[in-house]
């Protein structure tokens, strides 16, 4: 796991988010919004410019 992913996971867990699954994007559940949301993986983010 890249350092970027570790930091993102730590921050999300601090705020009570729960990891759901890994795919082309990581899927997380937010206890505040009561919704699922996706987090792109760093190596999957396109660079423009």
N, C-alpha and C. Protein backbone atom coordinates (compact mmCIF):
# COMPACT_ATOMS: atom_id res chain seq x y z
N UNK A 1 0.85 -1.18 0.00
CA UNK A 1 0.00 0.00 0.00
C UNK A 1 0.89 1.23 0.00
N UNK A 2 0.61 2.16 -0.85
CA UNK A 2 1.39 3.38 -0.96
C UNK A 2 1.18 4.25 0.28
N UNK A 3 2.16 5.09 0.54
CA UNK A 3 2.09 5.99 1.69
C UNK A 3 0.83 6.87 1.63
N UNK A 4 0.48 7.31 0.42
CA UNK A 4 -0.73 8.11 0.21
C UNK A 4 -1.96 7.38 0.73
N UNK A 5 -2.08 6.10 0.36
CA UNK A 5 -3.24 5.32 0.77
C UNK A 5 -3.29 5.14 2.28
N UNK A 6 -2.15 4.93 2.90
CA UNK A 6 -2.10 4.77 4.36
C UNK A 6 -2.61 6.02 5.05
N UNK A 7 -2.14 7.18 4.59
CA UNK A 7 -2.54 8.45 5.21
C UNK A 7 -4.04 8.69 5.06
N UNK A 8 -4.55 8.42 3.86
CA UNK A 8 -5.98 8.63 3.61
C UNK A 8 -6.80 7.70 4.49
N UNK A 9 -6.41 6.43 4.57
CA UNK A 9 -7.14 5.46 5.40
C UNK A 9 -7.13 5.88 6.87
N UNK A 10 -5.98 6.33 7.36
CA UNK A 10 -5.87 6.75 8.76
C UNK A 10 -6.81 7.92 9.06
N UNK A 11 -6.83 8.90 8.16
CA UNK A 11 -7.69 10.08 8.36
C UNK A 11 -9.16 9.68 8.34
N UNK A 12 -9.54 8.87 7.37
CA UNK A 12 -10.95 8.45 7.28
C UNK A 12 -11.37 7.66 8.52
N UNK A 13 -10.50 6.78 9.00
CA UNK A 13 -10.81 5.99 10.20
C UNK A 13 -10.93 6.88 11.42
N UNK A 14 -10.11 7.93 11.52
CA UNK A 14 -10.19 8.87 12.64
C UNK A 14 -11.56 9.53 12.71
N UNK A 15 -12.17 9.73 11.55
CA UNK A 15 -13.48 10.36 11.50
C UNK A 15 -14.62 9.36 11.49
N UNK A 16 -14.30 8.10 11.76
CA UNK A 16 -15.34 7.09 11.92
C UNK A 16 -15.82 6.43 10.64
N UNK A 17 -15.17 6.72 9.53
CA UNK A 17 -15.56 6.10 8.27
C UNK A 17 -15.14 4.63 8.27
N UNK A 18 -15.91 3.82 7.58
CA UNK A 18 -15.64 2.38 7.52
C UNK A 18 -15.33 1.98 6.09
N UNK A 19 -14.23 1.23 5.93
CA UNK A 19 -13.85 0.73 4.62
C UNK A 19 -14.83 -0.35 4.19
N UNK A 20 -15.30 -0.28 2.94
CA UNK A 20 -16.27 -1.24 2.42
C UNK A 20 -15.61 -2.23 1.47
N UNK A 21 -14.93 -1.70 0.43
CA UNK A 21 -14.28 -2.60 -0.53
C UNK A 21 -13.25 -1.84 -1.37
N UNK A 22 -12.38 -2.63 -1.98
CA UNK A 22 -11.35 -2.09 -2.84
C UNK A 22 -11.62 -2.53 -4.27
N UNK A 23 -11.49 -1.62 -5.20
CA UNK A 23 -11.65 -1.91 -6.62
C UNK A 23 -10.81 -0.90 -7.37
N UNK A 24 -11.33 -0.36 -8.46
CA UNK A 24 -10.60 0.71 -9.14
C UNK A 24 -10.56 1.96 -8.26
N UNK A 25 -11.53 2.06 -7.36
CA UNK A 25 -11.58 3.08 -6.33
C UNK A 25 -11.89 2.37 -5.00
N UNK A 26 -11.43 2.95 -3.90
CA UNK A 26 -11.81 2.42 -2.59
C UNK A 26 -13.19 2.95 -2.25
N UNK A 27 -14.03 2.10 -1.71
CA UNK A 27 -15.38 2.51 -1.31
C UNK A 27 -15.44 2.55 0.21
N UNK A 28 -15.92 3.67 0.73
CA UNK A 28 -16.01 3.89 2.17
C UNK A 28 -17.44 4.26 2.53
N UNK A 29 -17.78 4.05 3.81
CA UNK A 29 -19.08 4.44 4.34
C UNK A 29 -18.87 5.56 5.35
N UNK A 30 -19.64 6.63 5.20
CA UNK A 30 -19.56 7.77 6.13
C UNK A 30 -20.68 7.68 7.16
N UNK A 31 -20.33 7.66 8.46
CA UNK A 31 -21.37 7.63 9.47
C UNK A 31 -22.11 8.96 9.60
N UNK A 32 -21.48 10.04 9.13
CA UNK A 32 -22.11 11.36 9.23
C UNK A 32 -23.13 11.57 8.13
N UNK A 33 -22.74 11.25 6.89
CA UNK A 33 -23.63 11.44 5.76
C UNK A 33 -24.54 10.23 5.54
N UNK A 34 -24.19 9.12 6.19
CA UNK A 34 -24.92 7.86 6.03
C UNK A 34 -24.99 7.45 4.56
N UNK A 35 -23.85 7.63 3.86
CA UNK A 35 -23.75 7.29 2.45
C UNK A 35 -22.40 6.67 2.16
N UNK A 36 -22.34 5.95 1.05
CA UNK A 36 -21.07 5.44 0.55
C UNK A 36 -20.41 6.51 -0.30
N UNK A 37 -19.08 6.53 -0.30
CA UNK A 37 -18.34 7.44 -1.17
C UNK A 37 -17.08 6.74 -1.65
N UNK A 38 -16.54 7.21 -2.76
CA UNK A 38 -15.36 6.58 -3.34
C UNK A 38 -14.14 7.48 -3.18
N UNK A 39 -12.99 6.82 -3.06
CA UNK A 39 -11.71 7.52 -2.97
C UNK A 39 -10.82 6.92 -4.06
N UNK A 40 -10.37 7.74 -5.01
CA UNK A 40 -9.51 7.20 -6.07
C UNK A 40 -8.15 6.79 -5.51
N UNK A 41 -7.58 5.77 -6.11
CA UNK A 41 -6.24 5.36 -5.73
C UNK A 41 -5.25 6.28 -6.43
N UNK A 42 -4.16 6.60 -5.75
CA UNK A 42 -3.21 7.57 -6.29
C UNK A 42 -2.69 7.18 -7.66
N UNK A 43 -2.37 5.90 -7.85
CA UNK A 43 -1.82 5.47 -9.13
C UNK A 43 -2.88 5.46 -10.24
N UNK A 44 -4.14 5.68 -9.88
CA UNK A 44 -5.23 5.69 -10.86
C UNK A 44 -5.64 7.12 -11.23
N UNK A 45 -5.09 8.13 -10.52
CA UNK A 45 -5.45 9.51 -10.78
C UNK A 45 -4.70 10.01 -12.02
N UNK A 46 -5.43 10.51 -12.99
CA UNK A 46 -4.79 11.00 -14.22
C UNK A 46 -4.15 12.35 -13.96
N UNK A 47 -3.03 12.58 -14.58
CA UNK A 47 -2.32 13.83 -14.46
C UNK A 47 -2.58 14.67 -15.71
N UNK A 48 -3.08 15.85 -15.53
CA UNK A 48 -3.34 16.76 -16.65
C UNK A 48 -2.48 18.00 -16.48
N UNK A 49 -1.69 18.30 -17.50
CA UNK A 49 -0.91 19.52 -17.48
C UNK A 49 0.45 19.27 -17.13
